[in-house]
């Protein structure tokens, strides 16, 4: 049932909208977290350890997925909801 809905034009638009939301959230969160650490602690990226890269990357990925999920709910209602006859 879900796969059938995603193959329709509305489903393709929904997937494109989700991709755009994911990219926007990813860009904003990378800038906020990485830039925040660099500015707050005065640590350029060249001084970071591998563990810091992994932890910051995991945090960015988790927050990006959560924000994408939250913003996908209204988009699903918009694309898959009942269409009114105007």
C-alpha atoms as a PDB file:
ATOM      1  CA  UNK A   1       0.000   0.000   0.000  1.00  0.00           C
ATOM      2  CA  UNK A   2       2.729   2.468   0.900  1.00  0.00           C
ATOM      3  CA  UNK A   3       4.856   1.474  -2.071  1.00  0.00           C
ATOM      4  CA  UNK A   4       1.890   2.033  -4.393  1.00  0.00           C
ATOM      5  CA  UNK A   5       1.333   5.524  -3.001  1.00  0.00           C
ATOM      6  CA  UNK A   6       5.003   6.405  -3.421  1.00  0.00           C
ATOM      7  CA  UNK A   7       4.934   5.401  -7.102  1.00  0.00           C
ATOM      8  CA  UNK A   8       2.221   7.928  -7.906  1.00  0.00           C
ATOM      9  CA  UNK A   9       3.122  11.515  -8.854  1.00  0.00           C
ATOM     10  CA  UNK A  10       2.131  12.687  -5.361  1.00  0.00           C
ATOM     11  CA  UNK A  11       4.470  10.119  -3.861  1.00  0.00           C
ATOM     12  CA  UNK A  12       7.373  11.259  -5.992  1.00  0.00           C
ATOM     13  CA  UNK A  13       6.726  14.869  -5.001  1.00  0.00           C
ATOM     14  CA  UNK A  14       6.577  13.773  -1.365  1.00  0.00           C
ATOM     15  CA  UNK A  15       9.932  11.985  -1.613  1.00  0.00           C
ATOM     16  CA  UNK A  16      11.462  15.021  -3.292  1.00  0.00           C
ATOM     17  CA  UNK A  17      10.103  17.270  -0.536  1.00  0.00           C
ATOM     18  CA  UNK A  18      11.522  14.938   2.124  1.00  0.00           C
ATOM     19  CA  UNK A  19      14.902  14.981   0.384  1.00  0.00           C
ATOM     20  CA  UNK A  20      14.867  18.794   0.328  1.00  0.00           C
ATOM     21  CA  UNK A  21      13.946  18.914   4.027  1.00  0.00           C
ATOM     22  CA  UNK A  22      16.738  16.442   4.833  1.00  0.00           C
ATOM     23  CA  UNK A  23      19.326  18.485   2.914  1.00  0.00           C
ATOM     24  CA  UNK A  24      18.227  21.743   4.523  1.00  0.00           C
ATOM     25  CA  UNK A  25      18.279  20.258   8.022  1.00  0.00           C
ATOM     26  CA  UNK A  26      21.664  18.680   7.365  1.00  0.00           C
ATOM     27  CA  UNK A  27      23.194  21.943   6.159  1.00  0.00           C
ATOM     28  CA  UNK A  28      21.793  23.933   9.073  1.00  0.00           C
ATOM     29  CA  UNK A  29      22.813  21.398  11.696  1.00  0.00           C
ATOM     30  CA  UNK A  30      26.319  20.966  10.313  1.00  0.00           C
ATOM     31  CA  UNK A  31      26.805  24.711  10.403  1.00  0.00           C
ATOM     32  CA  UNK A  32      25.355  24.989  13.906  1.00  0.00           C
ATOM     33  CA  UNK A  33      27.184  22.092  15.556  1.00  0.00           C
ATOM     34  CA  UNK A  34      30.556  22.187  13.828  1.00  0.00           C
ATOM     35  CA  UNK A  35      30.637  25.973  13.709  1.00  0.00           C
ATOM     36  CA  UNK A  36      29.509  26.146  17.324  1.00  0.00           C
ATOM     37  CA  UNK A  37      32.325  23.920  18.544  1.00  0.00           C
ATOM     38  CA  UNK A  38      34.906  25.813  16.505  1.00  0.00           C
ATOM     39  CA  UNK A  39      33.704  29.212  17.745  1.00  0.00           C
ATOM     40  CA  UNK A  40      32.877  28.283  21.357  1.00  0.00           C
ATOM     41  CA  UNK A  41      36.010  26.308  22.184  1.00  0.00           C
ATOM     42  CA  UNK A  42      38.380  27.947  19.678  1.00  0.00           C
ATOM     43  CA  UNK A  43      39.267  24.538  18.252  1.00  0.00           C
ATOM     44  CA  UNK A  44      39.963  24.511  14.525  1.00  0.00           C
ATOM     45  CA  UNK A  45      39.036  21.335  12.682  1.00  0.00           C
ATOM     46  CA  UNK A  46      42.700  20.400  12.344  1.00  0.00           C
ATOM     47  CA  UNK A  47      42.949  19.872  16.127  1.00  0.00           C
ATOM     48  CA  UNK A  48      39.918  17.585  16.403  1.00  0.00           C
ATOM     49  CA  UNK A  49      40.384  13.924  17.229  1.00  0.00           C
ATOM     50  CA  UNK A  50      38.674  11.133  15.331  1.00  0.00           C
ATOM     51  CA  UNK A  51      36.319  10.589  18.256  1.00  0.00           C
ATOM     52  CA  UNK A  52      35.179  14.216  18.097  1.00  0.00           C
ATOM     53  CA  UNK A  53      34.428  13.882  14.386  1.00  0.00           C
ATOM     54  CA  UNK A  54      32.453  10.686  15.003  1.00  0.00           C
ATOM     55  CA  UNK A  55      30.458  12.107  17.909  1.00  0.00           C
ATOM     56  CA  UNK A  56      29.611  15.357  16.139  1.00  0.00           C
ATOM     57  CA  UNK A  57      28.738  13.473  12.961  1.00  0.00           C
ATOM     58  CA  UNK A  58      26.479  11.076  14.854  1.00  0.00           C
ATOM     59  CA  UNK A  59      24.775  13.968  16.617  1.00  0.00           C
ATOM     60  CA  UNK A  60      24.194  15.778  13.326  1.00  0.00           C
ATOM     61  CA  UNK A  61      22.833  12.610  11.705  1.00  0.00           C
ATOM     62  CA  UNK A  62      20.438  11.819  14.569  1.00  0.00           C
ATOM     63  CA  UNK A  63      19.107  15.374  14.790  1.00  0.00           C
ATOM     64  CA  UNK A  64      18.747  15.563  11.015  1.00  0.00           C
ATOM     65  CA  UNK A  65      16.742  12.337  10.927  1.00  0.00           C
ATOM     66  CA  UNK A  66      14.511  13.501  13.784  1.00  0.00           C
ATOM     67  CA  UNK A  67      13.832  16.872  12.158  1.00  0.00           C
ATOM     68  CA  UNK A  68      13.166  15.204   8.818  1.00  0.00           C
ATOM     69  CA  UNK A  69      10.689  12.839  10.451  1.00  0.00           C
ATOM     70  CA  UNK A  70       8.926  15.697  12.245  1.00  0.00           C
ATOM     71  CA  UNK A  71       8.640  17.797   9.091  1.00  0.00           C
ATOM     72  CA  UNK A  72       7.579  14.814   6.975  1.00  0.00           C
ATOM     73  CA  UNK A  73       4.313  14.410   8.864  1.00  0.00           C
ATOM     74  CA  UNK A  74       2.687  17.632   7.609  1.00  0.00           C
ATOM     75  CA  UNK A  75       4.102  16.974   4.154  1.00  0.00           C
ATOM     76  CA  UNK A  76       2.481  13.533   4.125  1.00  0.00           C
ATOM     77  CA  UNK A  77      -0.883  15.062   4.985  1.00  0.00           C
ATOM     78  CA  UNK A  78      -0.394  17.677   2.289  1.00  0.00           C
ATOM     79  CA  UNK A  79       0.578  15.249  -0.479  1.00  0.00           C
ATOM     80  CA  UNK A  80      -1.527  12.224   0.487  1.00  0.00           C
ATOM     81  CA  UNK A  81      -4.529  13.872   2.122  1.00  0.00           C
ATOM     82  CA  UNK A  82      -7.947  14.073   0.556  1.00  0.00           C
ATOM     83  CA  UNK A  83      -8.188  16.469  -2.348  1.00  0.00           C
ATOM     84  CA  UNK A  84     -11.047  18.938  -2.262  1.00  0.00           C
ATOM     85  CA  UNK A  85     -13.080  19.534  -5.414  1.00  0.00           C
ATOM     86  CA  UNK A  86     -12.714  23.239  -6.131  1.00  0.00           C
END
